[in-house]
Amino acid sequence: MEQHGTRPAQYGPRRSRAALPPQGRGGAAAGRPVGRPTGPRAGGGPARAAGRQAGRPGPAAAREAGARRTMPNPRLTGLGSGLFCAAVMVVLGYLDALLLGASLTVYGVLFVPVCLLTAVWVRRGDLLTAPVVVPIAFAVGLVPVAESGDGGLGGRLMGIVTALATEAGWLYGGTLVAGSTVIVRRIRLMRRRRAAGRNRPPG
């Protein structure tokens, strides 16, 4: 008789495949490698990012710093402020004589902003020199503007004296502007020194 080869039946529960751990399933499902953090990189968390943003100046601060670098901010000594004011007034006097027919009114109007610049640009240690040098510069700049009369030295001096007398208002006005600017700068300097003394730790 033929014996049919039959496979003996296997009794008992069937072996099931080992279930994957939850981390394995989550990593496979999300397509990310298992065990790698999904947040910010280690050591570069929100604190470091916030620190970088805080240390980086904003656009407004960058524009203000750039404007400060581009604006002229010289510091003149007492002698330098006198030479600056006198040189500018002589140049303006010659331009006034060539272009406007030696107008004393125009010369006086131009004298006021020059006084302001002189008082702003003089250094802190020589603030009191600004109101002293601006009247001298006004008289020096009158040389090309004042009428010479007969053309000699005496006529030139008489023309300067006459111009000083007739344009005394502009002379006093420019000197007052320089003195007021110096006083304001002096007050601000004293306040800064007091604030620095208060903030200084004792001892």
Protein backbone atom coordinates (compact mmCIF):
# COMPACT_ATOMS: atom_id res chain seq x y z
CA MET A 1 0.00 0.00 0.00
CA GLU A 2 1.09 3.45 -0.76
CA GLN A 3 1.87 5.58 2.23
CA HIS A 4 0.96 9.19 1.76
CA GLY A 5 3.50 11.50 3.33
CA THR A 6 1.46 13.63 5.64
CA ARG A 7 2.94 16.34 7.81
CA PRO A 8 2.06 15.86 11.42
CA ALA A 9 -0.27 18.49 12.73
CA GLN A 10 1.23 20.97 15.12
CA TYR A 11 -0.87 21.48 18.14
CA GLY A 12 -0.68 24.46 20.43
CA PRO A 13 -0.69 28.22 19.85
CA ARG A 14 1.05 29.54 16.79
CA ARG A 15 4.13 31.59 17.30
CA SER A 16 3.55 35.22 16.50
CA ARG A 17 6.22 37.63 15.46
CA ALA A 18 7.76 39.73 18.20
CA ALA A 19 6.10 43.09 18.36
CA LEU A 20 8.30 46.05 17.64
CA PRO A 21 8.95 48.38 20.52
CA PRO A 22 6.99 51.61 20.55
CA GLN A 23 10.07 53.63 19.73
CA GLY A 24 10.75 51.46 16.70
CA ARG A 25 7.21 51.84 15.45
CA GLY A 26 7.19 55.61 16.01
CA GLY A 27 10.53 56.10 14.32
CA ALA A 28 9.57 53.96 11.34
CA ALA A 29 6.21 55.63 10.98
CA ALA A 30 7.57 59.14 11.17
CA GLY A 31 10.51 58.41 8.90
CA ARG A 32 13.00 59.69 11.46
CA PRO A 33 15.91 57.80 12.96
CA VAL A 34 15.18 56.38 16.37
CA GLY A 35 16.66 58.12 19.38
CA ARG A 36 17.53 61.47 17.66
CA PRO A 37 15.93 64.55 19.26
CA THR A 38 13.43 66.46 17.15
CA GLY A 39 13.74 69.81 18.96
CA PRO A 40 16.59 72.32 18.83
CA ARG A 41 20.06 70.90 18.66
CA ALA A 42 21.67 69.79 21.86
CA GLY A 43 23.50 72.66 23.50
CA GLY A 44 21.89 75.27 21.21
CA GLY A 45 18.43 75.52 22.71
CA PRO A 46 16.14 78.52 22.97
CA ALA A 47 18.45 80.23 25.45
CA ARG A 48 21.33 80.38 22.99
CA ALA A 49 19.07 81.53 20.15
CA ALA A 50 17.62 84.24 22.37
CA GLY A 51 21.11 85.31 23.36
CA ARG A 52 22.15 85.64 19.74
CA GLN A 53 19.07 87.71 18.95
CA ALA A 54 19.60 89.93 22.01
CA GLY A 55 23.25 90.53 21.17
CA ARG A 56 22.52 91.39 17.55
CA PRO A 57 21.56 95.09 17.10
CA GLY A 58 18.27 95.81 15.42
CA PRO A 59 17.93 97.74 12.17
CA ALA A 60 17.03 100.99 13.96
CA ALA A 61 20.08 100.78 16.23
CA ALA A 62 22.30 99.94 13.25
CA ARG A 63 21.00 102.96 11.31
CA GLU A 64 21.54 105.24 14.31
CA ALA A 65 25.09 103.97 14.80
CA GLY A 66 25.81 104.47 11.10
CA ALA A 67 24.45 108.03 11.24
CA ARG A 68 26.68 108.80 14.21
CA ARG A 69 29.70 107.53 12.35
CA THR A 70 28.92 109.59 9.25
CA MET A 71 28.12 112.88 11.03
CA PRO A 72 31.17 115.05 11.72
CA ASN A 73 31.95 115.34 15.40
CA PRO A 74 35.33 117.08 15.72
CA ARG A 75 36.74 118.30 18.99
CA LEU A 76 38.66 121.57 18.71
CA THR A 77 40.99 123.05 21.26
CA GLY A 78 40.67 126.67 22.32
CA LEU A 79 43.23 127.80 19.74
CA GLY A 80 41.76 125.48 17.11
CA SER A 81 38.26 126.84 17.62
CA GLY A 82 39.54 130.40 17.22
CA LEU A 83 41.40 129.55 14.02
CA PHE A 84 38.40 127.66 12.66
CA CYS A 85 35.97 130.50 13.30
CA ALA A 86 38.32 133.17 11.94
CA ALA A 87 39.15 131.18 8.80
CA VAL A 88 35.50 130.48 8.03
CA MET A 89 34.51 134.10 8.52
CA VAL A 90 37.34 135.33 6.24
CA VAL A 91 36.23 132.90 3.52
CA LEU A 92 32.61 133.96 3.93
CA GLY A 93 33.67 137.63 3.82
CA TYR A 94 35.49 137.16 0.52
CA LEU A 95 32.55 135.25 -0.95
CA ASP A 96 30.21 138.00 0.23
CA ALA A 97 32.40 140.65 -1.37
CA LEU A 98 32.64 138.78 -4.67
CA LEU A 99 29.08 137.54 -5.05
CA LEU A 100 26.86 139.90 -3.06
CA GLY A 101 28.71 143.20 -3.18
CA ALA A 102 30.01 143.14 0.42
CA SER A 103 26.62 143.00 2.13
CA LEU A 104 27.11 143.44 5.88
CA THR A 105 23.67 142.00 6.62
CA VAL A 106 24.46 138.74 4.84
CA TYR A 107 27.80 138.62 6.63
CA GLY A 108 26.07 139.02 10.00
CA VAL A 109 23.50 136.34 9.22
CA LEU A 110 26.25 133.88 8.28
CA PHE A 111 28.12 134.71 11.47
CA VAL A 112 25.45 133.19 13.74
CA PRO A 113 25.66 129.53 12.52
CA VAL A 114 29.46 129.74 12.55
CA CYS A 115 29.29 130.73 16.23
CA LEU A 116 27.01 127.79 16.93
CA LEU A 117 29.36 125.32 15.25
CA THR A 118 32.32 126.75 17.11
CA ALA A 119 30.58 126.32 20.47
CA VAL A 120 29.43 122.78 19.61
CA TRP A 121 32.78 121.53 18.31
CA VAL A 122 35.06 122.95 20.98
CA ARG A 123 36.20 120.31 23.44
CA ARG A 124 34.94 120.14 27.00
CA GLY A 125 38.09 121.49 28.61
CA ASP A 126 38.01 124.67 26.47
CA LEU A 127 34.33 125.53 26.55
CA LEU A 128 34.86 129.02 27.91
CA THR A 129 37.03 130.02 24.95
CA ALA A 130 34.19 129.88 22.41
CA PRO A 131 32.42 133.13 23.50
CA VAL A 132 35.82 134.86 23.49
CA VAL A 133 37.06 133.88 20.04
CA VAL A 134 33.86 134.50 18.05
CA PRO A 135 33.94 138.34 18.35
CA ILE A 136 37.58 138.32 17.26
CA ALA A 137 36.69 136.16 14.27
CA PHE A 138 33.86 138.55 13.41
CA ALA A 139 36.29 141.47 13.29
CA VAL A 140 38.86 139.51 11.26
CA GLY A 141 36.26 138.47 8.70
CA LEU A 142 35.27 142.10 8.14
CA VAL A 143 38.55 142.85 6.36
CA PRO A 144 37.31 141.93 2.86
CA VAL A 145 33.80 143.25 3.52
CA ALA A 146 34.33 146.61 5.16
CA GLU A 147 34.65 149.72 2.98
CA SER A 148 38.24 150.84 2.55
CA GLY A 149 37.52 154.53 1.92
CA ASP A 150 40.65 155.97 0.27
CA GLY A 151 42.16 152.49 -0.04
CA GLY A 152 44.89 152.88 2.58
CA LEU A 153 45.39 151.12 5.87
CA GLY A 154 43.74 153.90 7.82
CA GLY A 155 40.68 153.79 5.60
CA ARG A 156 40.47 150.03 6.00
CA LEU A 157 40.61 150.31 9.78
CA MET A 158 37.94 152.99 9.79
CA GLY A 159 35.75 150.78 7.64
CA ILE A 160 36.15 147.87 10.08
CA VAL A 161 35.28 150.10 13.05
CA THR A 162 32.24 151.44 11.25
CA ALA A 163 31.08 147.94 10.35
CA LEU A 164 31.51 146.81 13.97
CA ALA A 165 29.38 149.73 15.11
CA THR A 166 26.62 149.26 12.55
CA GLU A 167 26.49 145.47 12.79
CA ALA A 168 26.83 145.23 16.57
CA GLY A 169 23.48 143.44 16.76
CA TRP A 170 24.76 140.47 14.76
CA LEU A 171 27.99 140.50 16.77
CA TYR A 172 26.15 140.36 20.09
CA GLY A 173 23.66 137.81 18.73
CA GLY A 174 26.35 135.39 17.58
CA THR A 175 28.26 135.79 20.84
CA LEU A 176 25.05 135.14 22.78
CA VAL A 177 24.40 131.97 20.75
CA ALA A 178 27.91 130.72 21.46
CA GLY A 179 27.64 131.55 25.17
CA SER A 180 24.23 129.86 25.51
CA THR A 181 25.49 126.72 23.78
CA VAL A 182 28.52 126.61 26.06
CA ILE A 183 26.32 126.99 29.16
CA VAL A 184 24.04 124.15 28.04
CA ARG A 185 27.02 121.87 27.37
CA ARG A 186 28.51 122.78 30.73
CA ILE A 187 25.29 121.91 32.59
CA ARG A 188 25.01 118.58 30.80
CA LEU A 189 28.62 117.79 31.62
CA MET A 190 28.06 118.51 35.32
CA ARG A 191 24.95 116.31 35.38
CA ARG A 192 26.82 113.43 33.79
CA ARG A 193 29.59 113.73 36.35
CA ARG A 194 27.08 113.72 39.21
CA ALA A 195 25.30 110.68 37.78
CA ALA A 196 28.61 108.87 37.39
CA GLY A 197 29.50 109.69 40.99
CA ARG A 198 26.18 108.32 42.25
CA ASN A 199 26.46 105.10 40.27
CA ARG A 200 30.03 104.51 41.40
CA PRO A 201 30.20 101.72 44.02
CA PRO A 202 31.45 102.82 47.46
CA GLY A 203 35.06 102.08 48.31
